[in-house]
């Protein structure tokens, strides 16, 4: 059985990947009957998804959370929403996906 685990807006990581992959094949693949998966398309989708996840994570991180005051410790606590996919923050997924995409491009070219 396959489980998809996310918290907050982390579900957008695979949605963005498959949307970019679909858009790549819809725009750049000339023969729709071609059944071979183009490895450049997967690498491009990984890099673009990584960049989009980076931009979205920075935007989501910028928003302020709720501020609570702890009377026992006499200090403020800021609680921000967590956006993660498979227990990793979307911000870290951006580096993982971009790195995998660049690694795919390296193996394609060399």
PDB file of N, CA and C in Angstrom:
ATOM      1  N   UNK A   1       0.839  -1.181   0.000  1.00  0.00           N
ATOM      2  CA  UNK A   1       0.000   0.000   0.000  1.00  0.00           C
ATOM      3  C   UNK A   1       0.882   1.241   0.000  1.00  0.00           C
ATOM      4  N   UNK A   2       0.472   2.242  -0.724  1.00  0.00           N
ATOM      5  CA  UNK A   2       1.246   3.472  -0.880  1.00  0.00           C
ATOM      6  C   UNK A   2       0.527   4.612  -0.175  1.00  0.00           C
ATOM      7  N   UNK A   3       1.220   5.249   0.759  1.00  0.00           N
ATOM      8  CA  UNK A   3       0.638   6.351   1.514  1.00  0.00           C
ATOM      9  C   UNK A   3       1.250   7.661   1.065  1.00  0.00           C
ATOM     10  N   UNK A   4       0.430   8.682   0.975  1.00  0.00           N
ATOM     11  CA  UNK A   4       0.920  10.028   0.708  1.00  0.00           C
ATOM     12  C   UNK A   4       0.739  10.821   1.995  1.00  0.00           C
ATOM     13  N   UNK A   5       1.848  11.283   2.540  1.00  0.00           N
ATOM     14  CA  UNK A   5       1.829  11.986   3.814  1.00  0.00           C
ATOM     15  C   UNK A   5       2.195  13.440   3.567  1.00  0.00           C
ATOM     16  N   UNK A   6       1.325  14.345   3.965  1.00  0.00           N
ATOM     17  CA  UNK A   6       1.638  15.763   3.840  1.00  0.00           C
ATOM     18  C   UNK A   6       1.009  16.526   4.996  1.00  0.00           C
ATOM     19  N   UNK A   7       1.491  17.719   5.189  1.00  0.00           N
ATOM     20  CA  UNK A   7       0.960  18.602   6.210  1.00  0.00           C
ATOM     21  C   UNK A   7       0.862  20.001   5.610  1.00  0.00           C
ATOM     22  N   UNK A   8      -0.231  20.673   5.834  1.00  0.00           N
ATOM     23  CA  UNK A   8      -0.403  22.019   5.298  1.00  0.00           C
ATOM     24  C   UNK A   8      -0.539  21.993   3.786  1.00  0.00           C
ATOM     25  N   UNK A   9       0.290  22.789   3.121  1.00  0.00           N
ATOM     26  CA  UNK A   9       0.246  22.889   1.661  1.00  0.00           C
ATOM     27  C   UNK A   9       1.317  22.028   0.992  1.00  0.00           C
ATOM     28  N   UNK A  10       1.811  21.017   1.678  1.00  0.00           N
ATOM     29  CA  UNK A  10       2.851  20.157   1.131  1.00  0.00           C
ATOM     30  C   UNK A  10       2.393  19.287  -0.017  1.00  0.00           C
ATOM     31  N   UNK A  11       1.089  19.108  -0.169  1.00  0.00           N
ATOM     32  CA  UNK A  11       0.572  18.289  -1.259  1.00  0.00           C
ATOM     33  C   UNK A  11       0.853  18.927  -2.616  1.00  0.00           C
ATOM     34  N   UNK A  12       1.192  20.215  -2.626  1.00  0.00           N
ATOM     35  CA  UNK A  12       1.469  20.891  -3.889  1.00  0.00           C
ATOM     36  C   UNK A  12       2.781  20.428  -4.523  1.00  0.00           C
ATOM     37  N   UNK A  13       3.659  19.766  -3.785  1.00  0.00           N
ATOM     38  CA  UNK A  13       4.928  19.294  -4.362  1.00  0.00           C
ATOM     39  C   UNK A  13       4.672  18.294  -5.497  1.00  0.00           C
ATOM     40  N   UNK A  14       3.944  17.191  -5.284  1.00  0.00           N
ATOM     41  CA  UNK A  14       3.720  16.281  -6.421  1.00  0.00           C
ATOM     42  C   UNK A  14       2.762  16.848  -7.460  1.00  0.00           C
ATOM     43  N   UNK A  15       1.811  17.686  -7.026  1.00  0.00           N
ATOM     44  CA  UNK A  15       0.881  18.277  -7.985  1.00  0.00           C
ATOM     45  C   UNK A  15       1.631  19.172  -8.965  1.00  0.00           C
ATOM     46  N   UNK A  16       2.545  19.986  -8.451  1.00  0.00           N
ATOM     47  CA  UNK A  16       3.334  20.868  -9.317  1.00  0.00           C
ATOM     48  C   UNK A  16       4.219  20.042 -10.244  1.00  0.00           C
ATOM     49  N   UNK A  17       4.835  18.974  -9.705  1.00  0.00           N
ATOM     50  CA  UNK A  17       5.714  18.140 -10.534  1.00  0.00           C
ATOM     51  C   UNK A  17       4.953  17.534 -11.710  1.00  0.00           C
ATOM     52  N   UNK A  18       3.810  16.918 -11.441  1.00  0.00           N
ATOM     53  CA  UNK A  18       3.068  16.271 -12.523  1.00  0.00           C
ATOM     54  C   UNK A  18       2.457  17.289 -13.481  1.00  0.00           C
ATOM     55  N   UNK A  19       2.085  18.463 -12.980  1.00  0.00           N
ATOM     56  CA  UNK A  19       1.564  19.509 -13.869  1.00  0.00           C
ATOM     57  C   UNK A  19       2.660  20.016 -14.808  1.00  0.00           C
ATOM     58  N   UNK A  20       3.863  20.221 -14.274  1.00  0.00           N
ATOM     59  CA  UNK A  20       4.976  20.682 -15.114  1.00  0.00           C
ATOM     60  C   UNK A  20       5.382  19.590 -16.103  1.00  0.00           C
ATOM     61  N   UNK A  21       5.404  18.341 -15.657  1.00  0.00           N
ATOM     62  CA  UNK A  21       5.742  17.226 -16.549  1.00  0.00           C
ATOM     63  C   UNK A  21       4.712  17.102 -17.676  1.00  0.00           C
ATOM     64  N   UNK A  22       3.445  17.217 -17.337  1.00  0.00           N
ATOM     65  CA  UNK A  22       2.391  17.161 -18.356  1.00  0.00           C
ATOM     66  C   UNK A  22       2.521  18.329 -19.330  1.00  0.00           C
ATOM     67  N   UNK A  23       2.768  19.515 -18.808  1.00  0.00           N
ATOM     68  CA  UNK A  23       2.913  20.690 -19.676  1.00  0.00           C
ATOM     69  C   UNK A  23       4.118  20.543 -20.596  1.00  0.00           C
ATOM     70  N   UNK A  24       5.215  19.975 -20.084  1.00  0.00           N
ATOM     71  CA  UNK A  24       6.399  19.774 -20.923  1.00  0.00           C
ATOM     72  C   UNK A  24       6.074  18.855 -22.096  1.00  0.00           C
ATOM     73  N   UNK A  25       5.444  17.721 -21.818  1.00  0.00           N
ATOM     74  CA  UNK A  25       5.140  16.780 -22.894  1.00  0.00           C
ATOM     75  C   UNK A  25       4.068  17.317 -23.832  1.00  0.00           C
ATOM     76  N   UNK A  26       3.157  18.112 -23.313  1.00  0.00           N
ATOM     77  CA  UNK A  26       2.115  18.686 -24.161  1.00  0.00           C
ATOM     78  C   UNK A  26       2.696  19.721 -25.123  1.00  0.00           C
ATOM     79  N   UNK A  27       3.678  20.482 -24.667  1.00  0.00           N
ATOM     80  CA  UNK A  27       4.236  21.558 -25.491  1.00  0.00           C
ATOM     81  C   UNK A  27       5.375  21.070 -26.381  1.00  0.00           C
ATOM     82  N   UNK A  28       6.305  20.265 -25.828  1.00  0.00           N
ATOM     83  CA  UNK A  28       7.548  19.977 -26.539  1.00  0.00           C
ATOM     84  C   UNK A  28       7.603  18.638 -27.267  1.00  0.00           C
ATOM     85  N   UNK A  29       6.741  17.703 -26.952  1.00  0.00           N
ATOM     86  CA  UNK A  29       6.776  16.411 -27.640  1.00  0.00           C
ATOM     87  C   UNK A  29       5.911  16.524 -28.889  1.00  0.00           C
ATOM     88  N   UNK A  30       6.547  16.332 -30.046  1.00  0.00           N
ATOM     89  CA  UNK A  30       5.845  16.560 -31.314  1.00  0.00           C
ATOM     90  C   UNK A  30       4.939  15.396 -31.699  1.00  0.00           C
ATOM     91  N   UNK A  31       5.349  14.172 -31.384  1.00  0.00           N
ATOM     92  CA  UNK A  31       4.567  13.003 -31.771  1.00  0.00           C
ATOM     93  C   UNK A  31       3.829  12.467 -30.546  1.00  0.00           C
ATOM     94  N   UNK A  32       2.517  12.628 -30.448  1.00  0.00           N
ATOM     95  CA  UNK A  32       1.799  12.171 -29.262  1.00  0.00           C
ATOM     96  C   UNK A  32       1.730  10.654 -29.136  1.00  0.00           C
ATOM     97  N   UNK A  33       1.970   9.911 -30.223  1.00  0.00           N
ATOM     98  CA  UNK A  33       1.929   8.456 -30.148  1.00  0.00           C
ATOM     99  C   UNK A  33       3.242   7.875 -29.636  1.00  0.00           C
ATOM    100  N   UNK A  34       4.211   8.725 -29.402  1.00  0.00           N
ATOM    101  CA  UNK A  34       5.510   8.258 -28.917  1.00  0.00           C
ATOM    102  C   UNK A  34       5.367   7.790 -27.466  1.00  0.00           C
ATOM    103  N   UNK A  35       5.723   6.548 -27.209  1.00  0.00           N
ATOM    104  CA  UNK A  35       5.534   5.967 -25.887  1.00  0.00           C
ATOM    105  C   UNK A  35       6.780   6.059 -25.013  1.00  0.00           C
ATOM    106  N   UNK A  36       7.883   6.476 -25.582  1.00  0.00           N
ATOM    107  CA  UNK A  36       9.132   6.553 -24.829  1.00  0.00           C
ATOM    108  C   UNK A  36       9.118   7.811 -23.974  1.00  0.00           C
ATOM    109  N   UNK A  37       9.442   7.654 -22.707  1.00  0.00           N
ATOM    110  CA  UNK A  37       9.500   8.810 -21.816  1.00  0.00           C
ATOM    111  C   UNK A  37      10.798   9.550 -22.075  1.00  0.00           C
ATOM    112  N   UNK A  38      10.694  10.799 -22.369  1.00  0.00           N
ATOM    113  CA  UNK A  38      11.845  11.640 -22.645  1.00  0.00           C
ATOM    114  C   UNK A  38      12.509  12.005 -21.318  1.00  0.00           C
ATOM    115  N   UNK A  39      13.766  11.635 -21.153  1.00  0.00           N
ATOM    116  CA  UNK A  39      14.443  11.897 -19.888  1.00  0.00           C
ATOM    117  C   UNK A  39      14.718  13.379 -19.680  1.00  0.00           C
ATOM    118  N   UNK A  40      14.830  14.139 -20.772  1.00  0.00           N
ATOM    119  CA  UNK A  40      14.999  15.585 -20.624  1.00  0.00           C
ATOM    120  C   UNK A  40      13.748  16.216 -20.034  1.00  0.00           C
ATOM    121  N   UNK A  41      12.604  15.662 -20.347  1.00  0.00           N
ATOM    122  CA  UNK A  41      11.355  16.175 -19.793  1.00  0.00           C
ATOM    123  C   UNK A  41      11.276  15.977 -18.290  1.00  0.00           C
ATOM    124  N   UNK A  42      11.699  14.797 -17.826  1.00  0.00           N
ATOM    125  CA  UNK A  42      11.694  14.540 -16.384  1.00  0.00           C
ATOM    126  C   UNK A  42      12.688  15.440 -15.665  1.00  0.00           C
ATOM    127  N   UNK A  43      13.859  15.611 -16.241  1.00  0.00           N
ATOM    128  CA  UNK A  43      14.868  16.470 -15.619  1.00  0.00           C
ATOM    129  C   UNK A  43      14.400  17.920 -15.592  1.00  0.00           C
ATOM    130  N   UNK A  44      13.797  18.372 -16.674  1.00  0.00           N
ATOM    131  CA  UNK A  44      13.275  19.738 -16.722  1.00  0.00           C
ATOM    132  C   UNK A  44      12.162  19.929 -15.705  1.00  0.00           C
ATOM    133  N   UNK A  45      11.282  18.945 -15.598  1.00  0.00           N
ATOM    134  CA  UNK A  45      10.193  19.036 -14.628  1.00  0.00           C
ATOM    135  C   UNK A  45      10.726  19.070 -13.200  1.00  0.00           C
ATOM    136  N   UNK A  46      11.772  18.301 -12.918  1.00  0.00           N
ATOM    137  CA  UNK A  46      12.353  18.317 -11.572  1.00  0.00           C
ATOM    138  C   UNK A  46      12.952  19.676 -11.233  1.00  0.00           C
ATOM    139  N   UNK A  47      13.681  20.259 -12.167  1.00  0.00           N
ATOM    140  CA  UNK A  47      14.315  21.558 -11.907  1.00  0.00           C
ATOM    141  C   UNK A  47      13.259  22.653 -11.744  1.00  0.00           C
ATOM    142  N   UNK A  48      12.282  22.685 -12.628  1.00  0.00           N
ATOM    143  CA  UNK A  48      11.249  23.722 -12.543  1.00  0.00           C
ATOM    144  C   UNK A  48      10.414  23.547 -11.277  1.00  0.00           C
ATOM    145  N   UNK A  49      10.092  22.301 -10.917  1.00  0.00           N
ATOM    146  CA  UNK A  49       9.352  22.057  -9.687  1.00  0.00           C
ATOM    147  C   UNK A  49      10.155  22.491  -8.472  1.00  0.00           C
ATOM    148  N   UNK A  50      11.456  22.226  -8.482  1.00  0.00           N
ATOM    149  CA  UNK A  50      12.298  22.672  -7.376  1.00  0.00           C
ATOM    150  C   UNK A  50      12.309  24.178  -7.231  1.00  0.00           C
ATOM    151  N   UNK A  51      12.402  24.881  -8.350  1.00  0.00           N
ATOM    152  CA  UNK A  51      12.400  26.344  -8.296  1.00  0.00           C
ATOM    153  C   UNK A  51      11.047  26.888  -7.835  1.00  0.00           C
ATOM    154  N   UNK A  52       9.961  26.306  -8.324  1.00  0.00           N
ATOM    155  CA  UNK A  52       8.638  26.753  -7.891  1.00  0.00           C
ATOM    156  C   UNK A  52       8.399  26.459  -6.411  1.00  0.00           C
ATOM    157  N   UNK A  53       8.852  25.293  -5.938  1.00  0.00           N
ATOM    158  CA  UNK A  53       8.710  24.972  -4.517  1.00  0.00           C
ATOM    159  C   UNK A  53       9.527  25.928  -3.657  1.00  0.00           C
ATOM    160  N   UNK A  54      10.694  26.324  -4.140  1.00  0.00           N
ATOM    161  CA  UNK A  54      11.511  27.284  -3.399  1.00  0.00           C
ATOM    162  C   UNK A  54      10.785  28.619  -3.263  1.00  0.00           C
ATOM    163  N   UNK A  55      10.225  29.105  -4.367  1.00  0.00           N
ATOM    164  CA  UNK A  55       9.515  30.383  -4.330  1.00  0.00           C
ATOM    165  C   UNK A  55       8.263  30.309  -3.456  1.00  0.00           C
ATOM    166  N   UNK A  56       7.519  29.216  -3.565  1.00  0.00           N
ATOM    167  CA  UNK A  56       6.322  29.073  -2.739  1.00  0.00           C
ATOM    168  C   UNK A  56       6.661  28.929  -1.263  1.00  0.00           C
ATOM    169  N   UNK A  57       7.714  28.181  -0.952  1.00  0.00           N
ATOM    170  CA  UNK A  57       8.102  27.997   0.450  1.00  0.00           C
ATOM    171  C   UNK A  57       8.549  29.313   1.072  1.00  0.00           C
ATOM    172  N   UNK A  58       9.268  30.117   0.311  1.00  0.00           N
ATOM    173  CA  UNK A  58       9.670  31.431   0.836  1.00  0.00           C
ATOM    174  C   UNK A  58       8.458  32.317   1.072  1.00  0.00           C
ATOM    175  N   UNK A  59       7.500  32.234   0.179  1.00  0.00           N
ATOM    176  CA  UNK A  59       6.297  33.051   0.356  1.00  0.00           C
ATOM    177  C   UNK A  59       5.484  32.587   1.563  1.00  0.00           C
ATOM    178  N   UNK A  60       5.338  31.267   1.718  1.00  0.00           N
ATOM    179  CA  UNK A  60       4.574  30.747   2.848  1.00  0.00           C
ATOM    180  C   UNK A  60       5.289  30.979   4.170  1.00  0.00           C
ATOM    181  N   UNK A  61       6.616  30.980   4.138  1.00  0.00           N
ATOM    182  CA  UNK A  61       7.388  31.185   5.359  1.00  0.00           C
ATOM    183  C   UNK A  61       7.330  32.644   5.815  1.00  0.00           C
ATOM    184  N   UNK A  62       7.144  33.554   4.885  1.00  0.00           N
ATOM    185  CA  UNK A  62       7.123  34.973   5.182  1.00  0.00           C
ATOM    186  C   UNK A  62       5.882  35.378   5.975  1.00  0.00           C
ATOM    187  N   UNK A  63       4.811  34.639   5.827  1.00  0.00           N
ATOM    188  CA  UNK A  63       3.583  34.990   6.521  1.00  0.00           C
ATOM    189  C   UNK A  63       3.767  34.800   8.024  1.00  0.00           C
ATOM    190  N   UNK A  64       3.192  35.705   8.749  1.00  0.00           N
ATOM    191  CA  UNK A  64       3.331  35.657  10.194  1.00  0.00           C
ATOM    192  C   UNK A  64       2.388  34.616  10.780  1.00  0.00           C
ATOM    193  N   UNK A  65       2.843  34.001  11.846  1.00  0.00           N
ATOM    194  CA  UNK A  65       2.032  33.019  12.527  1.00  0.00           C
ATOM    195  C   UNK A  65       1.259  33.656  13.671  1.00  0.00           C
ATOM    196  N   UNK A  66       0.686  32.825  14.478  1.00  0.00           N
ATOM    197  CA  UNK A  66      -0.049  33.308  15.645  1.00  0.00           C
ATOM    198  C   UNK A  66       0.922  33.503  16.797  1.00  0.00           C
ATOM    199  N   UNK A  67       0.722  34.572  17.518  1.00  0.00           N
ATOM    200  CA  UNK A  67       1.598  34.897  18.641  1.00  0.00           C
ATOM    201  C   UNK A  67       0.849  34.581  19.927  1.00  0.00           C
ATOM    202  N   UNK A  68       1.466  33.732  20.755  1.00  0.00           N
ATOM    203  CA  UNK A  68       0.916  33.390  22.058  1.00  0.00           C
ATOM    204  C   UNK A  68       1.880  33.862  23.128  1.00  0.00           C
ATOM    205  N   UNK A  69       1.348  34.155  24.282  1.00  0.00           N
ATOM    206  CA  UNK A  69       2.189  34.582  25.389  1.00  0.00           C
ATOM    207  C   UNK A  69       2.170  33.497  26.450  1.00  0.00           C
ATOM    208  N   UNK A  70       3.359  32.995  26.791  1.00  0.00           N
ATOM    209  CA  UNK A  70       3.503  31.973  27.816  1.00  0.00           C
ATOM    210  C   UNK A  70       3.729  32.671  29.151  1.00  0.00           C
ATOM    211  N   UNK A  71       2.741  32.561  30.044  1.00  0.00           N
ATOM    212  CA  UNK A  71       2.822  33.267  31.323  1.00  0.00           C
ATOM    213  C   UNK A  71       3.832  32.635  32.269  1.00  0.00           C
ATOM    214  N   UNK A  72       4.036  31.335  32.172  1.00  0.00           N
ATOM    215  CA  UNK A  72       4.986  30.672  33.070  1.00  0.00           C
ATOM    216  C   UNK A  72       6.422  31.068  32.757  1.00  0.00           C
ATOM    217  N   UNK A  73       6.766  31.114  31.484  1.00  0.00           N
ATOM    218  CA  UNK A  73       8.135  31.459  31.087  1.00  0.00           C
ATOM    219  C   UNK A  73       8.288  32.939  30.767  1.00  0.00           C
ATOM    220  N   UNK A  74       7.175  33.651  30.732  1.00  0.00           N
ATOM    221  CA  UNK A  74       7.157  35.092  30.511  1.00  0.00           C
ATOM    222  C   UNK A  74       7.807  35.482  29.172  1.00  0.00           C
ATOM    223  N   UNK A  75       7.352  34.825  28.106  1.00  0.00           N
ATOM    224  CA  UNK A  75       7.854  35.167  26.779  1.00  0.00           C
ATOM    225  C   UNK A  75       6.803  34.835  25.723  1.00  0.00           C
ATOM    226  N   UNK A  76       7.011  35.387  24.531  1.00  0.00           N
ATOM    227  CA  UNK A  76       6.091  35.163  23.422  1.00  0.00           C
ATOM    228  C   UNK A  76       6.504  33.934  22.619  1.00  0.00           C
ATOM    229  N   UNK A  77       5.505  33.221  22.127  1.00  0.00           N
ATOM    230  CA  UNK A  77       5.740  32.052  21.281  1.00  0.00           C
ATOM    231  C   UNK A  77       5.010  32.291  19.960  1.00  0.00           C
ATOM    232  N   UNK A  78       5.732  32.154  18.855  1.00  0.00           N
ATOM    233  CA  UNK A  78       5.136  32.326  17.527  1.00  0.00           C
ATOM    234  C   UNK A  78       4.952  30.943  16.908  1.00  0.00           C
ATOM    235  N   UNK A  79       3.718  30.634  16.553  1.00  0.00           N
ATOM    236  CA  UNK A  79       3.395  29.348  15.940  1.00  0.00           C
ATOM    237  C   UNK A  79       3.053  29.604  14.478  1.00  0.00           C
ATOM    238  N   UNK A  80       3.874  29.042  13.591  1.00  0.00           N
ATOM    239  CA  UNK A  80       3.661  29.186  12.150  1.00  0.00           C
ATOM    240  C   UNK A  80       3.174  27.857  11.587  1.00  0.00           C
ATOM    241  N   UNK A  81       2.374  27.907  10.538  1.00  0.00           N
ATOM    242  CA  UNK A  81       1.924  26.653   9.929  1.00  0.00           C
ATOM    243  C   UNK A  81       3.091  25.911   9.275  1.00  0.00           C
ATOM    244  N   UNK A  82       3.012  24.592   9.312  1.00  0.00           N
ATOM    245  CA  UNK A  82       4.062  23.751   8.741  1.00  0.00           C
ATOM    246  C   UNK A  82       3.556  23.163   7.429  1.00  0.00           C
ATOM    247  N   UNK A  83       4.338  23.325   6.388  1.00  0.00           N
ATOM    248  CA  UNK A  83       3.987  22.782   5.075  1.00  0.00           C
ATOM    249  C   UNK A  83       5.046  21.746   4.717  1.00  0.00           C
ATOM    250  N   UNK A  84       4.674  20.465   4.798  1.00  0.00           N
ATOM    251  CA  UNK A  84       5.656  19.419   4.542  1.00  0.00           C
ATOM    252  C   UNK A  84       5.029  18.307   3.705  1.00  0.00           C
ATOM    253  N   UNK A  85       5.902  17.585   3.026  1.00  0.00           N
ATOM    254  CA  UNK A  85       5.517  16.434   2.214  1.00  0.00           C
ATOM    255  C   UNK A  85       6.478  15.310   2.555  1.00  0.00           C
ATOM    256  N   UNK A  86       5.949  14.191   2.988  1.00  0.00           N
ATOM    257  CA  UNK A  86       6.749  13.075   3.488  1.00  0.00           C
ATOM    258  C   UNK A  86       7.753  13.531   4.542  1.00  0.00           C
ATOM    259  N   UNK A  87       7.255  14.257   5.515  1.00  0.00           N
ATOM    260  CA  UNK A  87       7.992  14.704   6.700  1.00  0.00           C
ATOM    261  C   UNK A  87       9.129  15.673   6.400  1.00  0.00           C
ATOM    262  N   UNK A  88       9.264  16.145   5.170  1.00  0.00           N
ATOM    263  CA  UNK A  88      10.264  17.151   4.821  1.00  0.00           C
ATOM    264  C   UNK A  88       9.554  18.438   4.428  1.00  0.00           C
ATOM    265  N   UNK A  89      10.070  19.540   4.917  1.00  0.00           N
ATOM    266  CA  UNK A  89       9.502  20.836   4.609  1.00  0.00           C
ATOM    267  C   UNK A  89       9.597  21.104   3.104  1.00  0.00           C
ATOM    268  N   UNK A  90       8.642  21.855   2.572  1.00  0.00           N
ATOM    269  CA  UNK A  90       8.623  22.168   1.137  1.00  0.00           C
ATOM    270  C   UNK A  90       9.894  22.913   0.745  1.00  0.00           C
ATOM    271  N   UNK A  91      10.432  23.705   1.657  1.00  0.00           N
ATOM    272  CA  UNK A  91      11.677  24.436   1.403  1.00  0.00           C
ATOM    273  C   UNK A  91      12.819  23.468   1.098  1.00  0.00           C
ATOM    274  N   UNK A  92      12.915  22.372   1.829  1.00  0.00           N
ATOM    275  CA  UNK A  92      13.980  21.395   1.594  1.00  0.00           C
ATOM    276  C   UNK A  92      13.705  20.553   0.350  1.00  0.00           C
ATOM    277  N   UNK A  93      12.425  20.326   0.045  1.00  0.00           N
ATOM    278  CA  UNK A  93      12.092  19.615  -1.189  1.00  0.00           C
ATOM    279  C   UNK A  93      12.585  20.374  -2.406  1.00  0.00           C
ATOM    280  N   UNK A  94      12.609  21.703  -2.316  1.00  0.00           N
ATOM    281  CA  UNK A  94      13.072  22.484  -3.468  1.00  0.00           C
ATOM    282  C   UNK A  94      14.526  22.166  -3.794  1.00  0.00           C
ATOM    283  N   UNK A  95      15.368  22.028  -2.786  1.00  0.00           N
ATOM    284  CA  UNK A  95      16.774  21.700  -3.026  1.00  0.00           C
ATOM    285  C   UNK A  95      16.939  20.259  -3.504  1.00  0.00           C
ATOM    286  N   UNK A  96      16.155  19.354  -2.957  1.00  0.00           N
ATOM    287  CA  UNK A  96      16.236  17.948  -3.362  1.00  0.00           C
ATOM    288  C   UNK A  96      15.824  17.788  -4.826  1.00  0.00           C
ATOM    289  N   UNK A  97      14.704  18.390  -5.197  1.00  0.00           N
ATOM    290  CA  UNK A  97      14.210  18.246  -6.573  1.00  0.00           C
ATOM    291  C   UNK A  97      15.121  18.928  -7.582  1.00  0.00           C
ATOM    292  N   UNK A  98      15.618  20.120  -7.241  1.00  0.00           N
ATOM    293  CA  UNK A  98      16.538  20.807  -8.154  1.00  0.00           C
ATOM    294  C   UNK A  98      17.830  20.015  -8.305  1.00  0.00           C
ATOM    295  N   UNK A  99      18.335  19.472  -7.218  1.00  0.00           N
ATOM    296  CA  UNK A  99      19.547  18.657  -7.282  1.00  0.00           C
ATOM    297  C   UNK A  99      19.350  17.403  -8.112  1.00  0.00           C
ATOM    298  N   UNK A 100      18.210  16.736  -7.944  1.00  0.00           N
ATOM    299  CA  UNK A 100      17.929  15.549  -8.757  1.00  0.00           C
ATOM    300  C   UNK A 100      17.800  15.899 -10.236  1.00  0.00           C
ATOM    301  N   UNK A 101      17.167  17.027 -10.526  1.00  0.00           N
ATOM    302  CA  UNK A 101      17.038  17.455 -11.922  1.00  0.00           C
ATOM    303  C   UNK A 101      18.378  17.763 -12.550  1.00  0.00           C
ATOM    304  N   UNK A 102      19.243  18.462 -11.817  1.00  0.00           N
ATOM    305  CA  UNK A 102      20.579  18.763 -12.342  1.00  0.00           C
ATOM    306  C   UNK A 102      21.411  17.496 -12.497  1.00  0.00           C
ATOM    307  N   UNK A 103      21.235  16.552 -11.578  1.00  0.00           N
ATOM    308  CA  UNK A 103      21.925  15.267 -11.692  1.00  0.00           C
ATOM    309  C   UNK A 103      21.441  14.501 -12.927  1.00  0.00           C
ATOM    310  N   UNK A 104      20.147  14.547 -13.199  1.00  0.00           N
ATOM    311  CA  UNK A 104      19.614  13.914 -14.417  1.00  0.00           C
ATOM    312  C   UNK A 104      20.180  14.568 -15.672  1.00  0.00           C
ATOM    313  N   UNK A 105      20.253  15.897 -15.679  1.00  0.00           N
ATOM    314  CA  UNK A 105      20.852  16.587 -16.829  1.00  0.00           C
ATOM    315  C   UNK A 105      22.316  16.197 -17.001  1.00  0.00           C
ATOM    316  N   UNK A 106      23.036  16.031 -15.905  1.00  0.00           N
ATOM    317  CA  UNK A 106      24.445  15.637 -15.977  1.00  0.00           C
ATOM    318  C   UNK A 106      24.580  14.264 -16.632  1.00  0.00           C
ATOM    319  N   UNK A 107      23.742  13.308 -16.213  1.00  0.00           N
ATOM    320  CA  UNK A 107      23.831  11.964 -16.777  1.00  0.00           C
ATOM    321  C   UNK A 107      23.317  11.908 -18.216  1.00  0.00           C
ATOM    322  N   UNK A 108      22.415  12.798 -18.583  1.00  0.00           N
ATOM    323  CA  UNK A 108      21.936  12.837 -19.969  1.00  0.00           C
ATOM    324  C   UNK A 108      23.028  13.364 -20.894  1.00  0.00           C
ATOM    325  N   UNK A 109      23.705  14.420 -20.453  1.00  0.00           N
ATOM    326  CA  UNK A 109      24.695  15.072 -21.309  1.00  0.00           C
ATOM    327  C   UNK A 109      26.032  14.338 -21.354  1.00  0.00           C
ATOM    328  N   UNK A 110      26.401  13.665 -20.284  1.00  0.00           N
ATOM    329  CA  UNK A 110      27.723  13.019 -20.258  1.00  0.00           C
ATOM    330  C   UNK A 110      27.568  11.545 -20.216  1.00  0.00           C
TER     331      UNK A 110
END
